[in-house]
Every structure is written in structure tokens, then in C-alpha cells.
N, C-alpha and C. Protein backbone atom coordinates (compact mmCIF):
# COMPACT_ATOMS: atom_id res chain seq x y z
N MET A 1 0.84 -1.16 0.00
CA MET A 1 0.07 0.08 -0.01
C MET A 1 0.84 1.26 0.04
N LYS A 2 0.51 2.23 -0.84
CA LYS A 2 1.29 3.43 -0.82
C LYS A 2 1.01 4.26 0.41
N THR A 3 1.88 5.18 0.74
CA THR A 3 1.68 6.01 1.97
C THR A 3 0.42 6.85 1.79
N ASP A 4 -0.22 7.26 2.91
CA ASP A 4 -1.39 8.01 2.78
C ASP A 4 -1.32 9.26 1.95
N ASN A 5 -0.24 9.98 2.22
CA ASN A 5 -0.02 11.20 1.46
C ASN A 5 0.31 11.04 -0.02
N GLN A 6 0.97 9.87 -0.25
CA GLN A 6 1.47 9.63 -1.62
C GLN A 6 0.27 9.37 -2.61
N ARG A 7 -0.80 8.81 -2.14
CA ARG A 7 -1.98 8.63 -2.96
C ARG A 7 -2.53 9.99 -3.35
N LEU A 8 -2.52 10.92 -2.39
CA LEU A 8 -3.10 12.30 -2.68
C LEU A 8 -2.12 13.06 -3.63
N VAL A 9 -0.79 12.91 -3.41
CA VAL A 9 0.23 13.48 -4.25
C VAL A 9 0.08 12.98 -5.72
N ASN A 10 -0.09 11.70 -5.86
CA ASN A 10 -0.35 11.18 -7.22
C ASN A 10 -1.49 11.75 -7.92
N GLY A 11 -2.56 11.92 -7.19
CA GLY A 11 -3.82 12.47 -7.70
C GLY A 11 -3.57 13.90 -8.03
N VAL A 12 -2.81 14.70 -7.26
CA VAL A 12 -2.56 16.03 -7.57
C VAL A 12 -1.70 16.15 -8.84
N LYS A 13 -0.75 15.21 -8.94
CA LYS A 13 0.10 15.16 -10.16
C LYS A 13 -0.65 15.01 -11.41
N ILE A 14 -1.66 14.18 -11.32
CA ILE A 14 -2.53 13.93 -12.52
C ILE A 14 -3.29 15.16 -12.83
N LEU A 15 -3.81 15.79 -11.79
CA LEU A 15 -4.54 17.12 -12.02
C LEU A 15 -3.67 18.17 -12.66
N LEU A 16 -2.47 18.29 -12.17
CA LEU A 16 -1.63 19.25 -12.69
C LEU A 16 -1.29 19.04 -14.18
N ASP A 17 -1.32 17.79 -14.59
CA ASP A 17 -1.13 17.47 -16.07
C ASP A 17 -2.43 17.71 -16.81
N THR A 18 -3.50 17.41 -16.28
CA THR A 18 -4.80 17.39 -17.01
C THR A 18 -5.64 18.60 -16.78
N ALA A 19 -5.66 19.15 -15.57
CA ALA A 19 -6.41 20.29 -15.16
C ALA A 19 -5.64 21.19 -14.25
N PRO A 20 -4.70 21.96 -14.76
CA PRO A 20 -3.77 22.69 -13.86
C PRO A 20 -4.42 23.57 -12.89
N LEU A 21 -5.51 24.15 -13.18
CA LEU A 21 -6.11 25.18 -12.19
C LEU A 21 -6.52 24.27 -10.94
N TYR A 22 -7.21 23.13 -11.16
CA TYR A 22 -7.63 22.36 -10.11
C TYR A 22 -6.47 21.78 -9.33
N GLY A 23 -5.44 21.35 -10.07
CA GLY A 23 -4.27 20.79 -9.42
C GLY A 23 -3.58 21.83 -8.56
N ASN A 24 -3.40 23.03 -9.03
CA ASN A 24 -2.83 24.04 -8.14
C ASN A 24 -3.74 24.39 -6.96
N ILE A 25 -4.94 24.38 -7.04
CA ILE A 25 -5.74 24.62 -5.82
C ILE A 25 -5.56 23.62 -4.89
N VAL A 26 -5.67 22.34 -5.29
CA VAL A 26 -5.62 21.21 -4.37
C VAL A 26 -4.20 21.09 -3.74
N MET A 27 -3.15 21.42 -4.55
CA MET A 27 -1.76 21.35 -4.18
C MET A 27 -1.49 22.28 -2.97
N ASN A 28 -2.20 23.36 -2.99
CA ASN A 28 -1.90 24.34 -1.90
C ASN A 28 -2.79 24.22 -0.70
N LEU A 29 -3.60 23.19 -0.60
CA LEU A 29 -4.47 23.00 0.59
C LEU A 29 -3.61 22.32 1.67
N ASN A 30 -3.84 22.68 2.89
CA ASN A 30 -3.31 21.96 3.96
C ASN A 30 -3.85 20.55 4.11
N ARG A 31 -3.18 19.57 4.43
CA ARG A 31 -3.71 18.17 4.52
C ARG A 31 -3.74 17.70 5.96
N ARG A 32 -4.82 16.96 6.26
CA ARG A 32 -4.91 16.41 7.52
C ARG A 32 -5.63 15.04 7.47
N ALA A 33 -4.94 14.05 7.99
CA ALA A 33 -5.52 12.68 8.05
C ALA A 33 -6.57 12.61 9.16
N ASP A 34 -7.70 11.95 8.88
CA ASP A 34 -8.71 11.89 9.82
C ASP A 34 -9.42 10.52 9.67
N SER A 35 -9.12 9.60 10.43
CA SER A 35 -9.68 8.29 10.32
C SER A 35 -11.21 8.18 10.68
N THR A 36 -11.75 9.23 11.22
CA THR A 36 -13.22 9.18 11.58
C THR A 36 -14.09 9.68 10.45
N LEU A 37 -13.42 10.27 9.36
CA LEU A 37 -14.24 10.73 8.24
C LEU A 37 -15.19 9.54 7.71
N LYS A 38 -16.33 9.88 7.23
CA LYS A 38 -17.25 8.88 6.74
C LYS A 38 -17.13 8.77 5.16
N GLN A 39 -16.33 9.67 4.55
CA GLN A 39 -16.05 9.62 3.16
C GLN A 39 -14.51 9.72 2.98
N PRO A 40 -13.98 9.36 1.78
CA PRO A 40 -12.57 9.38 1.54
C PRO A 40 -11.88 10.70 1.77
N VAL A 41 -12.53 11.74 1.33
CA VAL A 41 -11.82 13.14 1.53
C VAL A 41 -12.94 14.12 1.99
N GLY A 42 -12.57 15.09 2.60
CA GLY A 42 -13.46 16.26 3.06
C GLY A 42 -12.74 17.60 2.94
N LEU A 43 -13.48 18.58 3.04
CA LEU A 43 -12.88 19.99 2.97
C LEU A 43 -13.32 20.62 4.24
N LEU A 44 -12.39 21.23 4.93
CA LEU A 44 -12.64 21.91 6.17
C LEU A 44 -12.14 23.36 6.12
N TRP A 45 -12.94 24.30 6.61
CA TRP A 45 -12.53 25.67 6.77
C TRP A 45 -12.36 25.92 8.22
N GLN A 46 -11.07 26.20 8.68
CA GLN A 46 -10.85 26.39 10.05
C GLN A 46 -9.78 27.42 10.23
N LYS A 47 -10.06 28.38 11.08
CA LYS A 47 -9.04 29.43 11.43
C LYS A 47 -8.53 30.16 10.09
N HIS A 48 -9.50 30.43 9.25
CA HIS A 48 -9.24 31.16 7.98
C HIS A 48 -8.36 30.36 7.05
N GLN A 49 -8.33 29.06 7.12
CA GLN A 49 -7.54 28.22 6.23
C GLN A 49 -8.34 27.04 5.83
N TRP A 50 -8.03 26.60 4.53
CA TRP A 50 -8.75 25.36 4.04
C TRP A 50 -7.82 24.16 4.44
N TYR A 51 -8.49 23.18 4.66
CA TYR A 51 -7.86 21.85 4.95
C TYR A 51 -8.47 20.74 4.21
N LEU A 52 -7.57 20.00 3.46
CA LEU A 52 -8.10 18.81 2.73
C LEU A 52 -7.97 17.67 3.79
N THR A 53 -9.12 17.20 4.30
CA THR A 53 -9.10 16.03 5.25
C THR A 53 -9.24 14.78 4.47
N PHE A 54 -8.65 13.65 4.89
CA PHE A 54 -8.76 12.43 4.21
C PHE A 54 -8.70 11.25 5.12
N ASN A 55 -9.53 10.23 4.80
CA ASN A 55 -9.50 8.88 5.51
C ASN A 55 -8.77 7.95 4.57
N ALA A 56 -7.52 7.62 4.98
CA ALA A 56 -6.69 6.80 4.17
C ALA A 56 -7.22 5.39 3.90
N GLN A 57 -7.86 4.84 4.81
CA GLN A 57 -8.45 3.49 4.60
C GLN A 57 -9.62 3.58 3.57
N LEU A 58 -10.41 4.65 3.57
CA LEU A 58 -11.55 4.66 2.62
C LEU A 58 -10.90 5.07 1.19
N LEU A 59 -9.82 5.75 1.25
CA LEU A 59 -9.23 6.11 -0.06
C LEU A 59 -8.80 4.79 -0.73
N GLU A 60 -8.19 3.92 0.06
CA GLU A 60 -7.79 2.63 -0.51
C GLU A 60 -9.00 1.70 -0.94
N GLU A 61 -9.94 1.78 -0.10
CA GLU A 61 -11.12 0.80 -0.27
C GLU A 61 -11.91 1.24 -1.51
N ARG A 62 -12.22 2.55 -1.62
CA ARG A 62 -13.20 3.10 -2.52
C ARG A 62 -12.59 3.58 -3.84
N LEU A 63 -11.30 3.98 -3.73
CA LEU A 63 -10.61 4.59 -4.93
C LEU A 63 -9.24 3.93 -5.11
N PRO A 64 -9.25 2.79 -5.72
CA PRO A 64 -7.97 2.03 -5.84
C PRO A 64 -7.09 2.66 -6.89
N LYS A 65 -7.61 3.49 -7.81
CA LYS A 65 -6.70 4.05 -8.88
C LYS A 65 -6.52 5.48 -8.66
N ASP A 66 -5.29 5.94 -8.95
CA ASP A 66 -4.91 7.29 -8.70
C ASP A 66 -5.78 8.29 -9.51
N ASP A 67 -6.10 7.88 -10.71
CA ASP A 67 -6.99 8.79 -11.57
C ASP A 67 -8.33 8.97 -10.97
N GLU A 68 -8.81 8.04 -10.18
CA GLU A 68 -10.11 8.25 -9.41
C GLU A 68 -9.94 9.27 -8.33
N ILE A 69 -8.79 9.23 -7.68
CA ILE A 69 -8.47 10.17 -6.69
C ILE A 69 -8.40 11.68 -7.33
N ALA A 70 -7.80 11.69 -8.49
CA ALA A 70 -7.68 12.91 -9.18
C ALA A 70 -9.08 13.55 -9.43
N LEU A 71 -9.98 12.76 -9.95
CA LEU A 71 -11.37 13.22 -10.10
C LEU A 71 -12.08 13.77 -8.93
N LEU A 72 -11.86 13.02 -7.87
CA LEU A 72 -12.39 13.47 -6.54
C LEU A 72 -11.72 14.76 -6.15
N LEU A 73 -10.45 14.88 -6.31
CA LEU A 73 -9.83 16.16 -5.88
C LEU A 73 -10.23 17.29 -6.79
N ALA A 74 -10.49 17.00 -8.01
CA ALA A 74 -11.08 18.07 -8.90
C ALA A 74 -12.41 18.58 -8.33
N HIS A 75 -13.22 17.68 -7.77
CA HIS A 75 -14.45 17.99 -7.25
C HIS A 75 -14.21 18.86 -6.00
N VAL A 76 -13.22 18.51 -5.21
CA VAL A 76 -12.91 19.33 -4.01
C VAL A 76 -12.55 20.76 -4.44
N ALA A 77 -11.75 20.81 -5.54
CA ALA A 77 -11.25 22.15 -6.03
C ALA A 77 -12.43 23.07 -6.39
N LEU A 78 -13.54 22.48 -6.96
CA LEU A 78 -14.66 23.23 -7.29
C LEU A 78 -15.32 23.76 -6.01
N HIS A 79 -15.35 22.96 -5.04
CA HIS A 79 -15.95 23.45 -3.71
C HIS A 79 -15.11 24.64 -3.17
N VAL A 80 -13.77 24.60 -3.33
CA VAL A 80 -13.03 25.67 -2.96
C VAL A 80 -13.27 26.94 -3.85
N ILE A 81 -13.38 26.79 -5.07
CA ILE A 81 -13.72 27.93 -5.96
C ILE A 81 -14.99 28.57 -5.57
N TRP A 82 -15.99 27.73 -5.37
CA TRP A 82 -17.25 28.25 -5.05
C TRP A 82 -17.50 28.59 -3.54
N GLN A 83 -16.46 28.39 -2.79
CA GLN A 83 -16.41 28.64 -1.32
C GLN A 83 -17.57 28.10 -0.62
N HIS A 84 -17.93 26.82 -0.97
CA HIS A 84 -19.07 26.20 -0.36
C HIS A 84 -18.99 26.03 1.15
N PRO A 85 -17.96 25.54 1.75
CA PRO A 85 -17.96 25.37 3.20
C PRO A 85 -18.15 26.75 3.89
N ILE A 86 -17.55 27.83 3.33
CA ILE A 86 -17.71 29.12 4.01
C ILE A 86 -19.10 29.60 3.89
N ARG A 87 -19.67 29.45 2.72
CA ARG A 87 -21.10 29.82 2.48
C ARG A 87 -22.10 29.05 3.34
N TYR A 88 -21.93 27.66 3.38
CA TYR A 88 -22.75 26.89 4.26
C TYR A 88 -22.70 27.36 5.73
N GLN A 89 -21.42 27.62 6.17
CA GLN A 89 -21.17 28.04 7.53
C GLN A 89 -21.96 29.45 7.81
N GLN A 90 -21.87 30.31 6.89
CA GLN A 90 -22.51 31.61 7.03
C GLN A 90 -24.03 31.47 7.03
N ARG A 91 -24.56 30.63 6.19
CA ARG A 91 -25.99 30.38 6.20
C ARG A 91 -26.45 29.84 7.43
N THR A 92 -25.79 28.78 8.02
CA THR A 92 -26.09 28.16 9.30
C THR A 92 -26.01 29.17 10.40
N ALA A 93 -25.05 30.00 10.47
CA ALA A 93 -24.98 31.06 11.51
C ALA A 93 -26.17 32.08 11.48
N LYS A 94 -26.67 32.39 10.32
CA LYS A 94 -27.77 33.23 10.32
C LYS A 94 -29.03 32.62 10.76
N ASN A 95 -29.22 31.37 10.72
CA ASN A 95 -30.44 30.68 11.20
C ASN A 95 -30.52 30.58 12.66
């Protein structure tokens, strides 16, 4: 099994080759392993910083190919572009 971070790095490398904007966004995210996540990756906004959280076990189980991870990371990049976690947090705070 590849190291936890290496799977993400491989996915970022694929994105840098195929979709450089997304690759650069994901490459600059702080990363945090979290074995309690219910999905392979998550996006966290904390103390004015983005964090790419990941569950290494679920990455291995659900996404055995690096190109599958790249697609998921592209999806994460879109959440960053549209600032979804921040907007969701603001909407919740208003209610």
C-alpha cells in the first residue's frame, strides 16, 4: 500500500497535467489525516484556512486508482472555488 499522502500526491500530479487550475488549488491545501471521516476526503474551513481532510483507509477501499482520486480532488477544488464550506457556515450562522 502506498503511503497516505502519496496517494493524494499522485492524484494532484494527474490534475496538474490534465487540469492545472484544479491541481494548483488542491496542491496548496493543508492536509490532515482523519480516520473518523465517513467519506474518503473532506474539505474543512478552520481558522481562515482550508484543509483537505482524508481517510486513508477509505481512499484505498473506494478509490483504488490514482486517476479516481484525481477526479475526486477536482471536485474538491470546485468546492474551494465556489467557497461552499464558508457559504454553508454563514448560512447556518444566520439561522
